[in-house]
Amino acid sequence: MNMKTAGIIGGVGPETTAEFYLEIIFGCYKKNKEQRPPILIWNTPLKYEMESDLLQKSSGEERYIPYLIEAAQKLEKSGADFLVMPCNSLHIFIEQIRQAVKIPVLSIVEETVDFLKKSKINKVGVIATSTSIKRRLYAEALEKEGIELVVPDDFEQAKMGNVIKNIILNRHANRDREEIIKIINNFEKKKVKNIILACTDLQLLIPHHPVLKIYDTMKIFAEATVNTILEKDD
């Protein structure tokens, strides 16, 4: 079977990239047991200081652009048929990445919004980095489809930055999971029944709620990637 080669702009952060890779491997196996999928990964060599500034201070994101463009072009030259980036926040630069290469670049935002639309969800709580919230990463796409967006308050958002940094630096513990659950509980008070984890690093905490439905954008995006790898040429 001819499969498309996926190029992953990875390393932001590394654990999430590893989980995303495995989701694709297992997802392809469920749908096709003939062969392993062809996948290329470029681990973006970012400075830790840049990650901290982006996640905690929501600043300096423009410094990422050269790294992302370099990653996209390296993967294209290496034979990738399409690109994916399992990091929500950096999708604020997806148009710059798309302009830098000739191959398609899938969007985690577009795939997630399409999933919500097909699931007939008209109101959703969004847990994301401060950069994603400030830059309205999901807001515009959701509003365009008539889906109401609810986000944490400023105090909760500040806590979120610390939790995400701990995950990336591999220091996350039960207290981080508890902080996420507290924030999710507050969504219930706002009459929100559906939540999207719009930061792929958060899936590493595996948050669960007995009442609210939580959707992981990484899993949604991995499914879209699998479908693209397996789709037949016209």
C-alpha atoms as a PDB file:
ATOM      1  CA  MET A   1       0.000   0.000   0.000  1.00  0.00           C
ATOM      2  CA  ASN A   2       1.267   3.481  -0.862  1.00  0.00           C
ATOM      3  CA  MET A   3       1.273   5.724   2.198  1.00  0.00           C
ATOM      4  CA  LYS A   4       2.003   9.417   2.486  1.00  0.00           C
ATOM      5  CA  THR A   5       5.059  10.338   4.550  1.00  0.00           C
ATOM      6  CA  ALA A   6       4.241  12.511   7.559  1.00  0.00           C
ATOM      7  CA  GLY A   7       6.771  15.131   8.641  1.00  0.00           C
ATOM      8  CA  ILE A   8       6.510  16.057  12.330  1.00  0.00           C
ATOM      9  CA  ILE A   9       7.847  19.381  13.590  1.00  0.00           C
ATOM     10  CA  GLY A  10       8.632  18.057  17.046  1.00  0.00           C
ATOM     11  CA  GLY A  11      10.432  18.774  20.274  1.00  0.00           C
ATOM     12  CA  VAL A  12       7.958  21.345  21.553  1.00  0.00           C
ATOM     13  CA  GLY A  13       7.908  19.540  23.900  1.00  0.00           C
ATOM     14  CA  PRO A  14       9.684  16.197  23.413  1.00  0.00           C
ATOM     15  CA  GLU A  15       7.349  14.030  25.534  1.00  0.00           C
ATOM     16  CA  THR A  16       4.330  15.205  23.591  1.00  0.00           C
ATOM     17  CA  THR A  17       6.117  14.513  20.306  1.00  0.00           C
ATOM     18  CA  ALA A  18       6.850  10.972  21.495  1.00  0.00           C
ATOM     19  CA  GLU A  19       3.221  10.413  22.494  1.00  0.00           C
ATOM     20  CA  PHE A  20       2.002  11.885  19.210  1.00  0.00           C
ATOM     21  CA  TYR A  21       4.324   9.560  17.278  1.00  0.00           C
ATOM     22  CA  LEU A  22       2.958   6.517  19.099  1.00  0.00           C
ATOM     23  CA  GLU A  23      -0.637   7.651  18.533  1.00  0.00           C
ATOM     24  CA  ILE A  24       0.079   7.727  14.797  1.00  0.00           C
ATOM     25  CA  ILE A  25       1.786   4.309  14.835  1.00  0.00           C
ATOM     26  CA  PHE A  26      -1.061   2.618  16.707  1.00  0.00           C
ATOM     27  CA  GLY A  27      -3.721   4.562  14.828  1.00  0.00           C
ATOM     28  CA  CYS A  28      -2.350   3.415  11.479  1.00  0.00           C
ATOM     29  CA  TYR A  29      -2.151  -0.177  12.697  1.00  0.00           C
ATOM     30  CA  LYS A  30      -5.847  -0.162  13.605  1.00  0.00           C
ATOM     31  CA  LYS A  31      -6.747   0.827  10.053  1.00  0.00           C
ATOM     32  CA  ASN A  32      -3.994  -0.903   8.064  1.00  0.00           C
ATOM     33  CA  LYS A  33      -2.078  -3.994   9.079  1.00  0.00           C
ATOM     34  CA  GLU A  34       0.055  -4.269   5.943  1.00  0.00           C
ATOM     35  CA  GLN A  35       2.986  -2.047   6.929  1.00  0.00           C
ATOM     36  CA  ARG A  36       4.304   0.605   9.309  1.00  0.00           C
ATOM     37  CA  PRO A  37       3.646   4.245   8.356  1.00  0.00           C
ATOM     38  CA  PRO A  38       6.535   6.387   7.011  1.00  0.00           C
ATOM     39  CA  ILE A  39       7.239   9.202   9.466  1.00  0.00           C
ATOM     40  CA  LEU A  40       9.971  11.838   9.697  1.00  0.00           C
ATOM     41  CA  ILE A  41      10.587  13.837  12.910  1.00  0.00           C
ATOM     42  CA  TRP A  42      12.682  16.958  13.324  1.00  0.00           C
ATOM     43  CA  ASN A  43      13.372  17.727  16.978  1.00  0.00           C
ATOM     44  CA  THR A  44      13.446  21.541  16.989  1.00  0.00           C
ATOM     45  CA  PRO A  45      16.561  22.700  18.919  1.00  0.00           C
ATOM     46  CA  LEU A  46      14.929  25.453  20.962  1.00  0.00           C
ATOM     47  CA  LYS A  47      16.567  27.169  23.921  1.00  0.00           C
ATOM     48  CA  TYR A  48      14.888  26.445  27.260  1.00  0.00           C
ATOM     49  CA  GLU A  49      14.709  30.169  27.984  1.00  0.00           C
ATOM     50  CA  MET A  50      12.558  30.685  24.890  1.00  0.00           C
ATOM     51  CA  GLU A  51      10.113  27.995  26.037  1.00  0.00           C
ATOM     52  CA  SER A  52       9.802  29.569  29.488  1.00  0.00           C
ATOM     53  CA  ASP A  53       9.171  33.032  28.053  1.00  0.00           C
ATOM     54  CA  LEU A  54       6.459  31.709  25.760  1.00  0.00           C
ATOM     55  CA  LEU A  55       4.662  29.569  28.330  1.00  0.00           C
ATOM     56  CA  GLN A  56       4.930  31.751  31.429  1.00  0.00           C
ATOM     57  CA  LYS A  57       5.264  35.300  30.109  1.00  0.00           C
ATOM     58  CA  SER A  58       3.536  34.860  26.753  1.00  0.00           C
ATOM     59  CA  SER A  59       6.388  36.769  25.123  1.00  0.00           C
ATOM     60  CA  GLY A  60       9.119  36.281  22.566  1.00  0.00           C
ATOM     61  CA  GLU A  61       7.081  33.979  20.368  1.00  0.00           C
ATOM     62  CA  GLU A  62       8.370  35.643  17.184  1.00  0.00           C
ATOM     63  CA  ARG A  63      11.805  34.114  17.941  1.00  0.00           C
ATOM     64  CA  TYR A  64      10.334  30.708  17.105  1.00  0.00           C
ATOM     65  CA  ILE A  65       9.628  31.519  13.455  1.00  0.00           C
ATOM     66  CA  PRO A  66      13.130  30.808  12.005  1.00  0.00           C
ATOM     67  CA  TYR A  67      13.261  27.486  13.881  1.00  0.00           C
ATOM     68  CA  LEU A  68       9.851  26.422  12.588  1.00  0.00           C
ATOM     69  CA  ILE A  69      10.589  27.417   9.001  1.00  0.00           C
ATOM     70  CA  GLU A  70      13.933  25.588   9.140  1.00  0.00           C
ATOM     71  CA  ALA A  71      12.163  22.498  10.502  1.00  0.00           C
ATOM     72  CA  ALA A  72       9.487  22.604   7.808  1.00  0.00           C
ATOM     73  CA  GLN A  73      12.015  22.972   4.993  1.00  0.00           C
ATOM     74  CA  LYS A  74      14.284  20.217   6.340  1.00  0.00           C
ATOM     75  CA  LEU A  75      11.338  17.816   6.507  1.00  0.00           C
ATOM     76  CA  GLU A  76      10.169  18.764   3.017  1.00  0.00           C
ATOM     77  CA  LYS A  77      13.659  18.188   1.565  1.00  0.00           C
ATOM     78  CA  SER A  78      13.846  14.869   3.408  1.00  0.00           C
ATOM     79  CA  GLY A  79      10.756  13.571   1.618  1.00  0.00           C
ATOM     80  CA  ALA A  80       7.744  14.483   3.754  1.00  0.00           C
ATOM     81  CA  ASP A  81       4.484  14.631   1.792  1.00  0.00           C
ATOM     82  CA  PHE A  82       2.781  16.788   4.408  1.00  0.00           C
ATOM     83  CA  LEU A  83       3.625  18.406   7.739  1.00  0.00           C
ATOM     84  CA  VAL A  84       2.116  18.383  11.222  1.00  0.00           C
ATOM     85  CA  MET A  85       3.102  20.200  14.403  1.00  0.00           C
ATOM     86  CA  PRO A  86       1.759  18.670  17.648  1.00  0.00           C
ATOM     87  CA  CYS A  87       1.894  21.982  19.528  1.00  0.00           C
ATOM     88  CA  ASN A  88      -1.161  24.212  19.726  1.00  0.00           C
ATOM     89  CA  SER A  89       0.531  27.487  20.681  1.00  0.00           C
ATOM     90  CA  LEU A  90       2.918  27.533  17.726  1.00  0.00           C
ATOM     91  CA  HIS A  91      -0.001  27.277  15.314  1.00  0.00           C
ATOM     92  CA  ILE A  92      -0.146  31.064  15.546  1.00  0.00           C
ATOM     93  CA  PHE A  93       2.646  30.812  12.945  1.00  0.00           C
ATOM     94  CA  ILE A  94       1.046  28.198  10.691  1.00  0.00           C
ATOM     95  CA  GLU A  95       0.627  30.608   7.787  1.00  0.00           C
ATOM     96  CA  GLN A  96       4.346  31.477   7.848  1.00  0.00           C
ATOM     97  CA  ILE A  97       5.133  27.746   7.820  1.00  0.00           C
ATOM     98  CA  ARG A  98       2.711  27.103   4.949  1.00  0.00           C
ATOM     99  CA  GLN A  99       4.285  29.882   2.915  1.00  0.00           C
ATOM    100  CA  ALA A 100       7.777  28.430   3.463  1.00  0.00           C
ATOM    101  CA  VAL A 101       7.050  25.028   1.879  1.00  0.00           C
ATOM    102  CA  LYS A 102       5.226  23.577  -1.115  1.00  0.00           C
ATOM    103  CA  ILE A 103       3.659  20.624   0.716  1.00  0.00           C
ATOM    104  CA  PRO A 104       0.432  20.756   2.789  1.00  0.00           C
ATOM    105  CA  VAL A 105       0.604  21.692   6.490  1.00  0.00           C
ATOM    106  CA  LEU A 106      -2.260  20.327   8.592  1.00  0.00           C
ATOM    107  CA  SER A 107      -3.682  22.535  11.347  1.00  0.00           C
ATOM    108  CA  ILE A 108      -4.573  21.222  14.804  1.00  0.00           C
ATOM    109  CA  VAL A 109      -7.000  24.143  15.150  1.00  0.00           C
ATOM    110  CA  GLU A 110      -8.816  23.413  11.899  1.00  0.00           C
ATOM    111  CA  GLU A 111      -9.027  19.691  12.658  1.00  0.00           C
ATOM    112  CA  THR A 112     -10.300  20.280  16.214  1.00  0.00           C
ATOM    113  CA  VAL A 113     -12.939  22.800  15.163  1.00  0.00           C
ATOM    114  CA  ASP A 114     -14.071  20.426  12.416  1.00  0.00           C
ATOM    115  CA  PHE A 115     -14.348  17.648  15.027  1.00  0.00           C
ATOM    116  CA  LEU A 116     -16.459  19.843  17.331  1.00  0.00           C
ATOM    117  CA  LYS A 117     -18.694  20.881  14.458  1.00  0.00           C
ATOM    118  CA  LYS A 118     -19.294  17.277  13.402  1.00  0.00           C
ATOM    119  CA  SER A 119     -19.977  16.389  17.054  1.00  0.00           C
ATOM    120  CA  LYS A 120     -22.615  19.167  17.176  1.00  0.00           C
ATOM    121  CA  ILE A 121     -20.948  20.863  20.157  1.00  0.00           C
ATOM    122  CA  ASN A 122     -21.988  24.539  20.337  1.00  0.00           C
ATOM    123  CA  LYS A 123     -20.276  25.600  23.585  1.00  0.00           C
ATOM    124  CA  VAL A 124     -16.817  24.583  24.715  1.00  0.00           C
ATOM    125  CA  GLY A 125     -14.326  25.420  27.434  1.00  0.00           C
ATOM    126  CA  VAL A 126     -10.743  25.836  26.261  1.00  0.00           C
ATOM    127  CA  ILE A 127      -7.656  25.110  28.344  1.00  0.00           C
ATOM    128  CA  ALA A 128      -4.541  26.439  26.629  1.00  0.00           C
ATOM    129  CA  THR A 129      -1.358  28.464  27.070  1.00  0.00           C
ATOM    130  CA  SER A 130      -1.595  32.215  27.637  1.00  0.00           C
ATOM    131  CA  THR A 131      -0.158  32.740  24.164  1.00  0.00           C
ATOM    132  CA  SER A 132      -2.963  30.731  22.571  1.00  0.00           C
ATOM    133  CA  ILE A 133      -5.595  32.643  24.544  1.00  0.00           C
ATOM    134  CA  LYS A 134      -4.039  36.061  23.936  1.00  0.00           C
ATOM    135  CA  ARG A 135      -3.589  35.447  20.213  1.00  0.00           C
ATOM    136  CA  ARG A 136      -7.155  34.063  19.922  1.00  0.00           C
ATOM    137  CA  LEU A 137      -5.830  30.864  18.380  1.00  0.00           C
ATOM    138  CA  TYR A 138      -9.148  29.038  18.724  1.00  0.00           C
ATOM    139  CA  ALA A 139     -11.498  31.969  19.289  1.00  0.00           C
ATOM    140  CA  GLU A 140     -11.816  33.127  15.698  1.00  0.00           C
ATOM    141  CA  ALA A 141     -12.189  29.636  14.246  1.00  0.00           C
ATOM    142  CA  LEU A 142     -14.820  28.673  16.835  1.00  0.00           C
ATOM    143  CA  GLU A 143     -16.762  31.912  16.474  1.00  0.00           C
ATOM    144  CA  LYS A 144     -16.812  31.439  12.706  1.00  0.00           C
ATOM    145  CA  GLU A 145     -18.626  28.130  13.218  1.00  0.00           C
ATOM    146  CA  GLY A 146     -20.980  29.584  15.837  1.00  0.00           C
ATOM    147  CA  ILE A 147     -19.364  27.709  18.735  1.00  0.00           C
ATOM    148  CA  GLU A 148     -19.264  29.652  22.019  1.00  0.00           C
ATOM    149  CA  LEU A 149     -15.857  29.834  23.686  1.00  0.00           C
ATOM    150  CA  VAL A 150     -15.243  29.908  27.463  1.00  0.00           C
ATOM    151  CA  VAL A 151     -11.738  30.380  28.910  1.00  0.00           C
ATOM    152  CA  PRO A 152     -10.210  30.370  32.437  1.00  0.00           C
ATOM    153  CA  ASP A 153      -9.870  33.641  34.359  1.00  0.00           C
ATOM    154  CA  ASP A 154      -6.517  35.442  34.569  1.00  0.00           C
ATOM    155  CA  PHE A 155      -5.546  33.843  37.899  1.00  0.00           C
ATOM    156  CA  GLU A 156      -6.245  30.340  36.597  1.00  0.00           C
ATOM    157  CA  GLN A 157      -4.371  31.129  33.393  1.00  0.00           C
ATOM    158  CA  ALA A 158      -1.281  32.146  35.372  1.00  0.00           C
ATOM    159  CA  LYS A 159      -1.364  28.791  37.170  1.00  0.00           C
ATOM    160  CA  MET A 160      -1.657  27.067  33.819  1.00  0.00           C
ATOM    161  CA  GLY A 161       1.685  28.520  32.708  1.00  0.00           C
ATOM    162  CA  ASN A 162       3.470  26.978  35.689  1.00  0.00           C
ATOM    163  CA  VAL A 163       1.855  23.587  35.139  1.00  0.00           C
ATOM    164  CA  ILE A 164       2.831  23.482  31.464  1.00  0.00           C
ATOM    165  CA  LYS A 165       6.404  24.547  32.235  1.00  0.00           C
ATOM    166  CA  ASN A 166       6.671  21.735  34.801  1.00  0.00           C
ATOM    167  CA  ILE A 167       5.500  19.229  32.213  1.00  0.00           C
ATOM    168  CA  ILE A 168       8.042  20.377  29.631  1.00  0.00           C
ATOM    169  CA  LEU A 169      10.863  20.273  32.190  1.00  0.00           C
ATOM    170  CA  ASN A 170       9.605  16.847  33.348  1.00  0.00           C
ATOM    171  CA  ARG A 171       8.784  18.064  36.859  1.00  0.00           C
ATOM    172  CA  HIS A 172       5.036  17.489  36.751  1.00  0.00           C
ATOM    173  CA  ALA A 173       3.526  15.750  39.754  1.00  0.00           C
ATOM    174  CA  ASN A 174       0.120  15.037  41.261  1.00  0.00           C
ATOM    175  CA  ARG A 175      -0.243  18.668  42.337  1.00  0.00           C
ATOM    176  CA  ASP A 176      -0.117  19.751  38.694  1.00  0.00           C
ATOM    177  CA  ARG A 177      -2.887  17.312  37.862  1.00  0.00           C
ATOM    178  CA  GLU A 178      -4.900  18.657  40.793  1.00  0.00           C
ATOM    179  CA  GLU A 179      -4.505  22.232  39.555  1.00  0.00           C
ATOM    180  CA  ILE A 180      -5.865  21.260  36.138  1.00  0.00           C
ATOM    181  CA  ILE A 181      -8.833  19.478  37.737  1.00  0.00           C
ATOM    182  CA  LYS A 182      -9.627  22.580  39.801  1.00  0.00           C
ATOM    183  CA  ILE A 183      -9.690  24.729  36.686  1.00  0.00           C
ATOM    184  CA  ILE A 184     -11.874  22.183  34.903  1.00  0.00           C
ATOM    185  CA  ASN A 185     -14.260  22.114  37.869  1.00  0.00           C
ATOM    186  CA  ASN A 186     -14.786  25.855  37.514  1.00  0.00           C
ATOM    187  CA  PHE A 187     -15.980  25.339  33.957  1.00  0.00           C
ATOM    188  CA  GLU A 188     -18.864  23.280  35.319  1.00  0.00           C
ATOM    189  CA  LYS A 189     -20.005  26.340  37.287  1.00  0.00           C
ATOM    190  CA  LYS A 190     -20.125  28.238  33.994  1.00  0.00           C
ATOM    191  CA  LYS A 191     -22.506  25.608  32.565  1.00  0.00           C
ATOM    192  CA  VAL A 192     -19.876  24.235  30.213  1.00  0.00           C
ATOM    193  CA  LYS A 193     -20.250  20.514  29.461  1.00  0.00           C
ATOM    194  CA  ASN A 194     -17.410  20.039  26.966  1.00  0.00           C
ATOM    195  CA  ILE A 195     -13.718  20.928  27.376  1.00  0.00           C
ATOM    196  CA  ILE A 196     -10.872  20.834  24.883  1.00  0.00           C
ATOM    197  CA  LEU A 197      -7.272  20.498  26.006  1.00  0.00           C
ATOM    198  CA  ALA A 198      -5.818  23.004  23.557  1.00  0.00           C
ATOM    199  CA  CYS A 199      -2.273  22.431  24.751  1.00  0.00           C
ATOM    200  CA  THR A 200      -0.939  19.063  23.675  1.00  0.00           C
ATOM    201  CA  ASP A 201       1.424  18.878  26.664  1.00  0.00           C
ATOM    202  CA  LEU A 202      -1.567  18.687  29.019  1.00  0.00           C
ATOM    203  CA  GLN A 203      -2.554  15.236  27.742  1.00  0.00           C
ATOM    204  CA  LEU A 204       0.464  13.915  29.669  1.00  0.00           C
ATOM    205  CA  LEU A 205      -1.468  14.591  32.899  1.00  0.00           C
ATOM    206  CA  ILE A 206      -4.456  12.549  31.676  1.00  0.00           C
ATOM    207  CA  PRO A 207      -7.089  14.739  33.376  1.00  0.00           C
ATOM    208  CA  HIS A 208     -10.434  13.088  34.005  1.00  0.00           C
ATOM    209  CA  HIS A 209     -13.767  14.486  35.104  1.00  0.00           C
ATOM    210  CA  PRO A 210     -16.851  12.530  36.194  1.00  0.00           C
ATOM    211  CA  VAL A 211     -19.305  14.981  34.614  1.00  0.00           C
ATOM    212  CA  LEU A 212     -17.608  17.032  31.911  1.00  0.00           C
ATOM    213  CA  LYS A 213     -16.487  15.583  28.590  1.00  0.00           C
ATOM    214  CA  ILE A 214     -12.803  16.312  27.915  1.00  0.00           C
ATOM    215  CA  TYR A 215     -11.423  16.184  24.371  1.00  0.00           C
ATOM    216  CA  ASP A 216      -7.681  15.971  23.748  1.00  0.00           C
ATOM    217  CA  THR A 217      -6.616  18.013  20.716  1.00  0.00           C
ATOM    218  CA  MET A 218      -3.532  15.839  20.322  1.00  0.00           C
ATOM    219  CA  LYS A 219      -5.640  12.723  19.797  1.00  0.00           C
ATOM    220  CA  ILE A 220      -7.919  14.557  17.375  1.00  0.00           C
ATOM    221  CA  PHE A 221      -4.876  15.749  15.434  1.00  0.00           C
ATOM    222  CA  ALA A 222      -3.247  12.312  15.490  1.00  0.00           C
ATOM    223  CA  GLU A 223      -6.404  10.821  13.967  1.00  0.00           C
ATOM    224  CA  ALA A 224      -6.344  13.443  11.192  1.00  0.00           C
ATOM    225  CA  THR A 225      -2.667  12.648  10.581  1.00  0.00           C
ATOM    226  CA  VAL A 226      -3.392   8.932  10.340  1.00  0.00           C
ATOM    227  CA  ASN A 227      -6.185   9.566   7.841  1.00  0.00           C
ATOM    228  CA  THR A 228      -3.866  11.715   5.720  1.00  0.00           C
ATOM    229  CA  ILE A 229      -1.106   9.084   5.757  1.00  0.00           C
ATOM    230  CA  LEU A 230      -3.568   6.441   4.590  1.00  0.00           C
ATOM    231  CA  GLU A 231      -5.634   8.463   2.137  1.00  0.00           C
ATOM    232  CA  LYS A 232      -5.394   7.335  -1.463  1.00  0.00           C
ATOM    233  CA  ASP A 233      -4.175   9.644  -4.214  1.00  0.00           C
ATOM    234  CA  ASP A 234      -6.835  10.852  -6.611  1.00  0.00           C
END
